[in-house]
Amino acid sequence: MDPPASRQALAPPGPTFVIGADSAPAPPSSGAIPDSGSLPAQSFVPATEPHDRIMATIGLVLTAMGAATLVTTVILLVKGAAEHRASLNAFCDNDVCSAAADAQNSAGEALLTAGTVTGLATIALLGPGIPLFFLGRHQLPARSQTTAWWVPQRVSTDLHQVTLTYAY
């Protein structure tokens, strides 16, 4: 069992606030831990909220669609290039084989064209989507937390004075 005196020594002391430079500092309590002569600075941090949730949501949707079209673009371009290369490497000595090679070449060119179009769609989606998302998510002070100019934005204290900082 702990004796009552050791329990009291482990308990943290309550903060002591002194207003004015002429006031004498309060004597430390019996369980207080000596410090450098000042209390830690206290500050007020206002709550924040995203700039515009709708803008962020639209940006997220556009970015997700752009990512999907980017994957589609890569697949179409790789497949189209492979088809086109295979049709050029085919060795044909009869009409049936050359017709198949021409069809494969046309399919490869169609895939390359589709890949180019989806690449442009990717740019059109990602171009505005990424900035909209990050601008919409930019944190601003919460509207419910706005304070008048005469309310201190920060309060700092030490043993001899209290400092109030105002923001205009």
N, C-alpha and C. Protein backbone atom coordinates (compact mmCIF):
# COMPACT_ATOMS: atom_id res chain seq x y z
N MET A 1 0.83 -1.19 0.00
CA MET A 1 0.00 0.00 0.00
C MET A 1 0.87 1.25 0.00
N ASP A 2 0.44 2.24 -0.75
CA ASP A 2 1.16 3.50 -0.79
C ASP A 2 0.74 4.36 0.40
N PRO A 3 1.69 4.97 1.04
CA PRO A 3 1.30 5.90 2.09
C PRO A 3 0.65 7.13 1.46
N PRO A 4 -0.24 7.83 2.15
CA PRO A 4 -0.96 8.98 1.59
C PRO A 4 -0.01 10.09 1.13
N ALA A 5 1.13 10.27 1.74
CA ALA A 5 2.04 11.35 1.35
C ALA A 5 2.62 11.09 -0.03
N SER A 6 2.94 9.82 -0.38
CA SER A 6 3.50 9.54 -1.69
C SER A 6 2.46 9.69 -2.78
N ARG A 7 1.18 9.37 -2.50
CA ARG A 7 0.13 9.57 -3.48
C ARG A 7 -0.04 11.06 -3.77
N GLN A 8 0.07 11.87 -2.74
CA GLN A 8 -0.09 13.32 -2.93
C GLN A 8 1.08 13.86 -3.75
N ALA A 9 2.28 13.33 -3.58
CA ALA A 9 3.44 13.80 -4.32
C ALA A 9 3.35 13.44 -5.79
N LEU A 10 2.68 12.33 -6.13
CA LEU A 10 2.56 11.92 -7.52
C LEU A 10 1.49 12.70 -8.26
N ALA A 11 0.53 13.28 -7.57
CA ALA A 11 -0.54 14.02 -8.22
C ALA A 11 0.01 15.31 -8.80
N PRO A 12 -0.33 15.64 -10.07
CA PRO A 12 0.18 16.88 -10.66
C PRO A 12 -0.49 18.09 -10.02
N PRO A 13 0.28 19.16 -9.82
CA PRO A 13 -0.31 20.35 -9.23
C PRO A 13 -1.22 21.06 -10.22
N GLY A 14 -2.20 21.77 -9.73
CA GLY A 14 -3.10 22.54 -10.57
C GLY A 14 -2.40 23.79 -11.09
N PRO A 15 -2.83 24.35 -12.23
CA PRO A 15 -2.17 25.54 -12.76
C PRO A 15 -2.45 26.77 -11.89
N THR A 16 -1.45 27.61 -11.77
CA THR A 16 -1.58 28.85 -11.02
C THR A 16 -1.48 29.99 -12.02
N PHE A 17 -2.48 30.85 -12.09
CA PHE A 17 -2.48 31.98 -13.01
C PHE A 17 -2.36 33.27 -12.21
N VAL A 18 -1.41 34.08 -12.59
CA VAL A 18 -1.19 35.35 -11.92
C VAL A 18 -1.44 36.45 -12.93
N ILE A 19 -2.31 37.40 -12.58
CA ILE A 19 -2.61 38.50 -13.49
C ILE A 19 -1.93 39.75 -12.96
N GLY A 20 -1.19 40.41 -13.83
CA GLY A 20 -0.53 41.65 -13.45
C GLY A 20 0.91 41.40 -13.06
N ALA A 21 1.78 42.39 -13.31
CA ALA A 21 3.20 42.24 -13.02
C ALA A 21 3.52 42.50 -11.56
N ASP A 22 2.65 43.22 -10.79
CA ASP A 22 2.96 43.55 -9.40
C ASP A 22 2.56 42.44 -8.45
N SER A 23 1.79 41.46 -8.91
CA SER A 23 1.33 40.41 -8.02
C SER A 23 2.48 39.49 -7.67
N ALA A 24 2.50 39.06 -6.44
CA ALA A 24 3.52 38.11 -6.01
C ALA A 24 3.11 36.72 -6.46
N PRO A 25 4.05 35.91 -6.88
CA PRO A 25 3.69 34.56 -7.30
C PRO A 25 3.17 33.74 -6.12
N ALA A 26 2.25 32.86 -6.43
CA ALA A 26 1.67 32.01 -5.39
C ALA A 26 2.72 31.00 -4.95
N PRO A 27 2.75 30.66 -3.66
CA PRO A 27 3.72 29.66 -3.22
C PRO A 27 3.37 28.30 -3.82
N PRO A 28 4.37 27.52 -4.14
CA PRO A 28 4.08 26.20 -4.72
C PRO A 28 3.43 25.29 -3.69
N SER A 29 2.59 24.38 -4.19
CA SER A 29 1.95 23.44 -3.29
C SER A 29 2.98 22.43 -2.81
N SER A 30 2.61 21.66 -1.82
CA SER A 30 3.56 20.72 -1.21
C SER A 30 4.02 19.64 -2.19
N GLY A 31 3.16 19.29 -3.18
CA GLY A 31 3.52 18.25 -4.13
C GLY A 31 4.01 18.80 -5.46
N ALA A 32 4.28 20.10 -5.52
CA ALA A 32 4.66 20.71 -6.80
C ALA A 32 6.08 20.34 -7.19
N ILE A 33 6.29 20.23 -8.48
CA ILE A 33 7.62 19.98 -9.02
C ILE A 33 8.19 21.32 -9.42
N PRO A 34 9.38 21.67 -8.94
CA PRO A 34 9.94 22.97 -9.30
C PRO A 34 10.19 23.06 -10.80
N ASP A 35 9.95 24.25 -11.37
CA ASP A 35 10.19 24.45 -12.79
C ASP A 35 11.06 25.69 -13.00
N SER A 36 11.18 26.11 -14.24
CA SER A 36 12.07 27.21 -14.56
C SER A 36 11.49 28.57 -14.19
N GLY A 37 10.33 28.64 -13.62
CA GLY A 37 9.75 29.90 -13.18
C GLY A 37 8.61 30.38 -14.06
N SER A 38 8.19 29.61 -15.05
CA SER A 38 7.06 30.06 -15.86
C SER A 38 6.19 28.86 -16.22
N LEU A 39 4.94 29.14 -16.48
CA LEU A 39 4.01 28.11 -16.90
C LEU A 39 4.09 27.98 -18.42
N PRO A 40 3.74 26.84 -18.98
CA PRO A 40 3.75 26.71 -20.44
C PRO A 40 2.73 27.64 -21.07
N ALA A 41 3.04 28.15 -22.25
CA ALA A 41 2.15 29.07 -22.94
C ALA A 41 0.87 28.34 -23.34
N GLN A 42 -0.25 28.99 -23.12
CA GLN A 42 -1.55 28.45 -23.50
C GLN A 42 -1.94 29.11 -24.82
N SER A 43 -2.52 28.36 -25.73
CA SER A 43 -2.93 28.96 -26.99
C SER A 43 -4.28 28.40 -27.40
N PHE A 44 -5.01 29.18 -28.17
CA PHE A 44 -6.32 28.81 -28.68
C PHE A 44 -6.16 28.44 -30.14
N VAL A 45 -6.54 27.22 -30.50
CA VAL A 45 -6.48 26.77 -31.88
C VAL A 45 -7.91 26.63 -32.39
N PRO A 46 -8.30 27.47 -33.35
CA PRO A 46 -9.68 27.38 -33.82
C PRO A 46 -9.94 26.11 -34.62
N ALA A 47 -11.17 25.67 -34.60
CA ALA A 47 -11.56 24.50 -35.38
C ALA A 47 -11.52 24.85 -36.86
N THR A 48 -11.24 23.86 -37.69
CA THR A 48 -11.18 24.09 -39.13
C THR A 48 -12.16 23.17 -39.83
N GLU A 49 -12.49 23.54 -41.05
CA GLU A 49 -13.36 22.73 -41.89
C GLU A 49 -12.89 22.88 -43.33
N PRO A 50 -13.24 21.94 -44.21
CA PRO A 50 -12.84 22.06 -45.61
C PRO A 50 -13.43 23.32 -46.24
N HIS A 51 -12.71 23.87 -47.22
CA HIS A 51 -13.15 25.08 -47.90
C HIS A 51 -14.51 24.89 -48.53
N ASP A 52 -14.67 23.85 -49.33
CA ASP A 52 -15.94 23.59 -50.00
C ASP A 52 -16.07 22.08 -50.23
N ARG A 53 -16.99 21.47 -49.51
CA ARG A 53 -17.16 20.01 -49.60
C ARG A 53 -17.63 19.58 -50.99
N ILE A 54 -18.49 20.37 -51.62
CA ILE A 54 -19.00 20.00 -52.95
C ILE A 54 -17.86 20.03 -53.96
N MET A 55 -17.00 21.06 -53.88
CA MET A 55 -15.86 21.16 -54.79
C MET A 55 -14.94 19.96 -54.58
N ALA A 56 -14.69 19.60 -53.34
CA ALA A 56 -13.82 18.46 -53.05
C ALA A 56 -14.43 17.16 -53.56
N THR A 57 -15.73 16.99 -53.43
CA THR A 57 -16.40 15.77 -53.88
C THR A 57 -16.36 15.67 -55.41
N ILE A 58 -16.64 16.77 -56.09
CA ILE A 58 -16.58 16.76 -57.56
C ILE A 58 -15.15 16.46 -58.01
N GLY A 59 -14.17 17.06 -57.35
CA GLY A 59 -12.78 16.79 -57.70
C GLY A 59 -12.41 15.34 -57.48
N LEU A 60 -12.91 14.75 -56.40
CA LEU A 60 -12.63 13.34 -56.13
C LEU A 60 -13.24 12.44 -57.18
N VAL A 61 -14.48 12.73 -57.60
CA VAL A 61 -15.14 11.92 -58.63
C VAL A 61 -14.40 12.05 -59.96
N LEU A 62 -14.05 13.28 -60.34
CA LEU A 62 -13.32 13.48 -61.60
C LEU A 62 -11.96 12.79 -61.56
N THR A 63 -11.28 12.85 -60.43
CA THR A 63 -9.98 12.20 -60.31
C THR A 63 -10.11 10.68 -60.38
N ALA A 64 -11.13 10.12 -59.76
CA ALA A 64 -11.35 8.66 -59.82
C ALA A 64 -11.67 8.23 -61.26
N MET A 65 -12.51 9.01 -61.94
CA MET A 65 -12.83 8.67 -63.34
C MET A 65 -11.59 8.82 -64.21
N GLY A 66 -10.77 9.84 -63.95
CA GLY A 66 -9.54 10.03 -64.70
C GLY A 66 -8.57 8.89 -64.48
N ALA A 67 -8.50 8.38 -63.25
CA ALA A 67 -7.62 7.24 -62.97
C ALA A 67 -8.10 6.00 -63.73
N ALA A 68 -9.41 5.80 -63.79
CA ALA A 68 -9.95 4.65 -64.53
C ALA A 68 -9.66 4.78 -66.02
N THR A 69 -9.83 5.98 -66.58
CA THR A 69 -9.53 6.15 -68.00
C THR A 69 -8.03 6.07 -68.27
N LEU A 70 -7.21 6.42 -67.30
CA LEU A 70 -5.77 6.28 -67.47
C LEU A 70 -5.39 4.80 -67.61
N VAL A 71 -5.98 3.96 -66.78
CA VAL A 71 -5.72 2.52 -66.88
C VAL A 71 -6.21 2.00 -68.23
N THR A 72 -7.40 2.43 -68.64
CA THR A 72 -7.96 2.01 -69.93
C THR A 72 -7.06 2.47 -71.07
N THR A 73 -6.55 3.69 -70.99
CA THR A 73 -5.66 4.22 -72.02
C THR A 73 -4.42 3.37 -72.16
N VAL A 74 -3.82 3.04 -71.05
CA VAL A 74 -2.59 2.23 -71.10
C VAL A 74 -2.87 0.87 -71.72
N ILE A 75 -3.97 0.24 -71.33
CA ILE A 75 -4.31 -1.08 -71.88
C ILE A 75 -4.55 -0.99 -73.38
N LEU A 76 -5.31 0.02 -73.83
CA LEU A 76 -5.60 0.16 -75.26
C LEU A 76 -4.34 0.43 -76.07
N LEU A 77 -3.47 1.29 -75.56
CA LEU A 77 -2.25 1.61 -76.31
C LEU A 77 -1.30 0.42 -76.39
N VAL A 78 -1.16 -0.32 -75.31
CA VAL A 78 -0.28 -1.49 -75.32
C VAL A 78 -0.84 -2.56 -76.26
N LYS A 79 -2.14 -2.83 -76.15
CA LYS A 79 -2.76 -3.85 -77.01
C LYS A 79 -2.73 -3.42 -78.48
N GLY A 80 -3.00 -2.16 -78.76
CA GLY A 80 -2.98 -1.66 -80.15
C GLY A 80 -1.59 -1.72 -80.75
N ALA A 81 -0.58 -1.35 -79.96
CA ALA A 81 0.80 -1.43 -80.47
C ALA A 81 1.20 -2.87 -80.73
N ALA A 82 0.77 -3.80 -79.89
CA ALA A 82 1.10 -5.22 -80.09
C ALA A 82 0.43 -5.75 -81.36
N GLU A 83 -0.84 -5.40 -81.57
CA GLU A 83 -1.56 -5.85 -82.77
C GLU A 83 -0.92 -5.28 -84.03
N HIS A 84 -0.59 -4.00 -83.98
CA HIS A 84 0.01 -3.35 -85.14
C HIS A 84 1.38 -3.97 -85.46
N ARG A 85 2.19 -4.21 -84.45
CA ARG A 85 3.51 -4.80 -84.63
C ARG A 85 3.39 -6.23 -85.15
N ALA A 86 2.41 -6.98 -84.66
CA ALA A 86 2.23 -8.37 -85.10
C ALA A 86 1.80 -8.41 -86.57
N SER A 87 0.97 -7.44 -86.99
CA SER A 87 0.54 -7.44 -88.40
C SER A 87 1.69 -7.08 -89.33
N LEU A 88 2.60 -6.24 -88.87
CA LEU A 88 3.75 -5.88 -89.71
C LEU A 88 4.77 -7.01 -89.79
N ASN A 89 4.87 -7.82 -88.77
CA ASN A 89 5.84 -8.92 -88.73
C ASN A 89 5.32 -10.20 -89.40
N ALA A 90 4.04 -10.21 -89.77
CA ALA A 90 3.48 -11.42 -90.39
C ALA A 90 4.03 -11.59 -91.80
N PHE A 91 4.45 -12.78 -92.08
CA PHE A 91 4.95 -13.10 -93.43
C PHE A 91 3.84 -13.82 -94.17
N CYS A 92 3.30 -13.18 -95.19
CA CYS A 92 2.18 -13.75 -95.93
C CYS A 92 2.55 -13.91 -97.40
N ASP A 93 2.18 -15.09 -97.93
CA ASP A 93 2.43 -15.31 -99.36
C ASP A 93 1.15 -15.61 -100.11
N ASN A 94 0.00 -15.58 -99.42
CA ASN A 94 -1.26 -15.79 -100.12
C ASN A 94 -2.25 -14.69 -99.72
N ASP A 95 -3.36 -14.65 -100.42
CA ASP A 95 -4.35 -13.58 -100.21
C ASP A 95 -5.07 -13.71 -98.87
N VAL A 96 -5.32 -14.92 -98.41
CA VAL A 96 -6.02 -15.12 -97.14
C VAL A 96 -5.17 -14.60 -95.99
N CYS A 97 -3.91 -14.91 -96.01
CA CYS A 97 -3.02 -14.47 -94.95
C CYS A 97 -2.85 -12.95 -94.98
N SER A 98 -2.74 -12.36 -96.15
CA SER A 98 -2.57 -10.91 -96.22
C SER A 98 -3.85 -10.19 -95.79
N ALA A 99 -5.02 -10.78 -96.08
CA ALA A 99 -6.27 -10.18 -95.63
C ALA A 99 -6.36 -10.22 -94.11
N ALA A 100 -5.89 -11.32 -93.51
CA ALA A 100 -5.89 -11.42 -92.04
C ALA A 100 -4.91 -10.43 -91.45
N ALA A 101 -3.77 -10.26 -92.09
CA ALA A 101 -2.78 -9.29 -91.60
C ALA A 101 -3.31 -7.87 -91.72
N ASP A 102 -4.03 -7.58 -92.80
CA ASP A 102 -4.63 -6.25 -92.95
C ASP A 102 -5.70 -6.00 -91.88
N ALA A 103 -6.49 -7.04 -91.58
CA ALA A 103 -7.52 -6.90 -90.54
C ALA A 103 -6.87 -6.69 -89.18
N GLN A 104 -5.79 -7.41 -88.93
CA GLN A 104 -5.07 -7.23 -87.66
C GLN A 104 -4.44 -5.84 -87.58
N ASN A 105 -3.92 -5.34 -88.68
CA ASN A 105 -3.36 -4.00 -88.72
C ASN A 105 -4.44 -2.95 -88.47
N SER A 106 -5.61 -3.14 -89.08
CA SER A 106 -6.74 -2.21 -88.87
C SER A 106 -7.20 -2.24 -87.41
N ALA A 107 -7.24 -3.44 -86.84
CA ALA A 107 -7.64 -3.56 -85.42
C ALA A 107 -6.63 -2.86 -84.52
N GLY A 108 -5.35 -3.02 -84.83
CA GLY A 108 -4.31 -2.36 -84.04
C GLY A 108 -4.40 -0.84 -84.13
N GLU A 109 -4.66 -0.33 -85.35
CA GLU A 109 -4.80 1.11 -85.52
C GLU A 109 -6.04 1.64 -84.80
N ALA A 110 -7.13 0.85 -84.83
CA ALA A 110 -8.35 1.26 -84.12
C ALA A 110 -8.11 1.31 -82.61
N LEU A 111 -7.36 0.34 -82.08
CA LEU A 111 -7.05 0.34 -80.65
C LEU A 111 -6.14 1.53 -80.29
N LEU A 112 -5.19 1.85 -81.17
CA LEU A 112 -4.33 3.01 -80.92
C LEU A 112 -5.13 4.32 -80.95
N THR A 113 -6.09 4.41 -81.88
CA THR A 113 -6.94 5.60 -81.95
C THR A 113 -7.82 5.70 -80.70
N ALA A 114 -8.39 4.57 -80.27
CA ALA A 114 -9.21 4.58 -79.05
C ALA A 114 -8.36 4.94 -77.83
N GLY A 115 -7.13 4.44 -77.80
CA GLY A 115 -6.23 4.79 -76.69
C GLY A 115 -5.91 6.27 -76.66
N THR A 116 -5.73 6.87 -77.84
CA THR A 116 -5.46 8.30 -77.92
C THR A 116 -6.66 9.10 -77.42
N VAL A 117 -7.86 8.70 -77.82
CA VAL A 117 -9.08 9.41 -77.38
C VAL A 117 -9.26 9.28 -75.87
N THR A 118 -9.07 8.09 -75.33
CA THR A 118 -9.21 7.95 -73.87
C THR A 118 -8.08 8.68 -73.13
N GLY A 119 -6.91 8.80 -73.76
CA GLY A 119 -5.84 9.60 -73.16
C GLY A 119 -6.23 11.06 -73.05
N LEU A 120 -6.89 11.58 -74.08
CA LEU A 120 -7.38 12.96 -74.02
C LEU A 120 -8.48 13.10 -72.95
N ALA A 121 -9.32 12.09 -72.82
CA ALA A 121 -10.35 12.11 -71.77
C ALA A 121 -9.70 12.07 -70.39
N THR A 122 -8.61 11.33 -70.26
CA THR A 122 -7.88 11.28 -68.99
C THR A 122 -7.37 12.66 -68.61
N ILE A 123 -6.78 13.35 -69.58
CA ILE A 123 -6.28 14.70 -69.31
C ILE A 123 -7.44 15.63 -68.96
N ALA A 124 -8.56 15.49 -69.67
CA ALA A 124 -9.72 16.35 -69.41
C ALA A 124 -10.33 16.10 -68.03
N LEU A 125 -10.20 14.88 -67.51
CA LEU A 125 -10.75 14.57 -66.19
C LEU A 125 -9.77 14.89 -65.07
N LEU A 126 -8.51 14.52 -65.24
CA LEU A 126 -7.53 14.75 -64.19
C LEU A 126 -7.12 16.22 -64.09
N GLY A 127 -7.13 16.92 -65.22
CA GLY A 127 -6.73 18.33 -65.22
C GLY A 127 -7.49 19.17 -64.21
N PRO A 128 -8.81 19.19 -64.26
CA PRO A 128 -9.55 19.96 -63.24
C PRO A 128 -9.82 19.16 -61.97
N GLY A 129 -9.83 17.83 -62.04
CA GLY A 129 -10.20 17.02 -60.88
C GLY A 129 -9.24 17.14 -59.72
N ILE A 130 -7.95 17.06 -59.99
CA ILE A 130 -6.96 17.13 -58.91
C ILE A 130 -6.97 18.49 -58.21
N PRO A 131 -6.92 19.61 -58.96
CA PRO A 131 -6.98 20.91 -58.26
C PRO A 131 -8.30 21.13 -57.51
N LEU A 132 -9.41 20.70 -58.09
CA LEU A 132 -10.69 20.86 -57.39
C LEU A 132 -10.68 20.11 -56.06
N PHE A 133 -10.14 18.91 -56.07
CA PHE A 133 -10.11 18.12 -54.84
C PHE A 133 -9.26 18.82 -53.78
N PHE A 134 -8.04 19.23 -54.14
CA PHE A 134 -7.16 19.81 -53.14
C PHE A 134 -7.60 21.21 -52.71
N LEU A 135 -8.16 22.00 -53.60
CA LEU A 135 -8.67 23.32 -53.21
C LEU A 135 -9.91 23.18 -52.34
N GLY A 136 -10.76 22.21 -52.65
CA GLY A 136 -11.96 22.00 -51.84
C GLY A 136 -11.63 21.47 -50.46
N ARG A 137 -10.55 20.71 -50.33
CA ARG A 137 -10.15 20.15 -49.03
C ARG A 137 -9.32 21.11 -48.20
N HIS A 138 -8.89 22.25 -48.79
CA HIS A 138 -8.08 23.22 -48.05
C HIS A 138 -8.83 23.64 -46.79
N GLN A 139 -8.15 23.58 -45.65
CA GLN A 139 -8.78 23.85 -44.36
C GLN A 139 -8.85 25.34 -44.07
N LEU A 140 -10.03 25.80 -43.70
CA LEU A 140 -10.28 27.17 -43.28
C LEU A 140 -10.88 27.15 -41.88
N PRO A 141 -10.83 28.27 -41.14
CA PRO A 141 -11.49 28.28 -39.84
C PRO A 141 -12.98 27.97 -40.00
N ALA A 142 -13.49 27.21 -39.06
CA ALA A 142 -14.90 26.82 -39.12
C ALA A 142 -15.77 28.06 -39.00
N ARG A 143 -16.85 28.07 -39.75
CA ARG A 143 -17.74 29.23 -39.74
C ARG A 143 -18.39 29.44 -38.38
N SER A 144 -18.64 28.35 -37.68
CA SER A 144 -19.25 28.47 -36.36
C SER A 144 -18.25 28.96 -35.32
N GLN A 145 -16.95 28.91 -35.63
CA GLN A 145 -15.92 29.28 -34.69
C GLN A 145 -15.40 30.70 -34.90
N THR A 146 -15.97 31.44 -35.85
CA THR A 146 -15.47 32.79 -36.08
C THR A 146 -15.76 33.64 -34.86
N THR A 147 -14.80 34.46 -34.51
CA THR A 147 -14.94 35.31 -33.33
C THR A 147 -14.78 36.76 -33.73
N ALA A 148 -15.28 37.62 -32.90
CA ALA A 148 -15.17 39.05 -33.15
C ALA A 148 -13.72 39.49 -32.93
N TRP A 149 -13.37 40.65 -33.47
CA TRP A 149 -11.97 41.10 -33.40
C TRP A 149 -11.54 41.38 -31.97
N TRP A 150 -12.47 41.66 -31.06
CA TRP A 150 -12.08 42.00 -29.70
C TRP A 150 -11.87 40.77 -28.80
N VAL A 151 -12.14 39.58 -29.32
CA VAL A 151 -11.92 38.36 -28.55
C VAL A 151 -10.48 37.91 -28.80
N PRO A 152 -9.71 37.68 -27.73
CA PRO A 152 -8.31 37.29 -27.93
C PRO A 152 -8.19 35.98 -28.70
N GLN A 153 -7.25 35.94 -29.62
CA GLN A 153 -7.00 34.74 -30.41
C GLN A 153 -6.01 33.81 -29.71
N ARG A 154 -5.18 34.36 -28.83
CA ARG A 154 -4.20 33.56 -28.12
C ARG A 154 -3.96 34.16 -26.75
N VAL A 155 -3.83 33.31 -25.75
CA VAL A 155 -3.55 33.75 -24.40
C VAL A 155 -2.28 33.05 -23.94
N SER A 156 -1.28 33.83 -23.53
CA SER A 156 -0.04 33.27 -23.01
C SER A 156 0.11 33.72 -21.57
N THR A 157 0.55 32.83 -20.71
CA THR A 157 0.69 33.17 -19.30
C THR A 157 2.05 32.73 -18.80
N ASP A 158 2.56 33.46 -17.84
CA ASP A 158 3.69 33.00 -17.04
C ASP A 158 3.44 33.49 -15.62
N LEU A 159 4.41 33.36 -14.74
CA LEU A 159 4.17 33.69 -13.33
C LEU A 159 3.96 35.18 -13.09
N HIS A 160 4.39 36.04 -14.01
CA HIS A 160 4.33 37.47 -13.75
C HIS A 160 3.36 38.23 -14.64
N GLN A 161 2.87 37.64 -15.72
CA GLN A 161 2.00 38.40 -16.61
C GLN A 161 1.11 37.48 -17.44
N VAL A 162 0.09 38.08 -18.02
CA VAL A 162 -0.80 37.41 -18.96
C VAL A 162 -0.73 38.19 -20.26
N THR A 163 -0.52 37.53 -21.38
CA THR A 163 -0.45 38.18 -22.68
C THR A 163 -1.63 37.75 -23.51
N LEU A 164 -2.37 38.71 -24.04
CA LEU A 164 -3.50 38.44 -24.93
C LEU A 164 -3.09 38.90 -26.33
N THR A 165 -3.24 38.04 -27.31
CA THR A 165 -2.91 38.38 -28.69
C THR A 165 -4.19 38.44 -29.49
N TYR A 166 -4.40 39.56 -30.21
CA TYR A 166 -5.59 39.77 -30.99
C TYR A 166 -5.27 39.67 -32.47
N ALA A 167 -6.24 39.22 -33.27
CA ALA A 167 -6.07 39.16 -34.73
C ALA A 167 -7.16 40.03 -35.34
N TYR A 168 -6.78 40.91 -36.24
CA TYR A 168 -7.74 41.81 -36.90
C TYR A 168 -8.04 41.34 -38.28
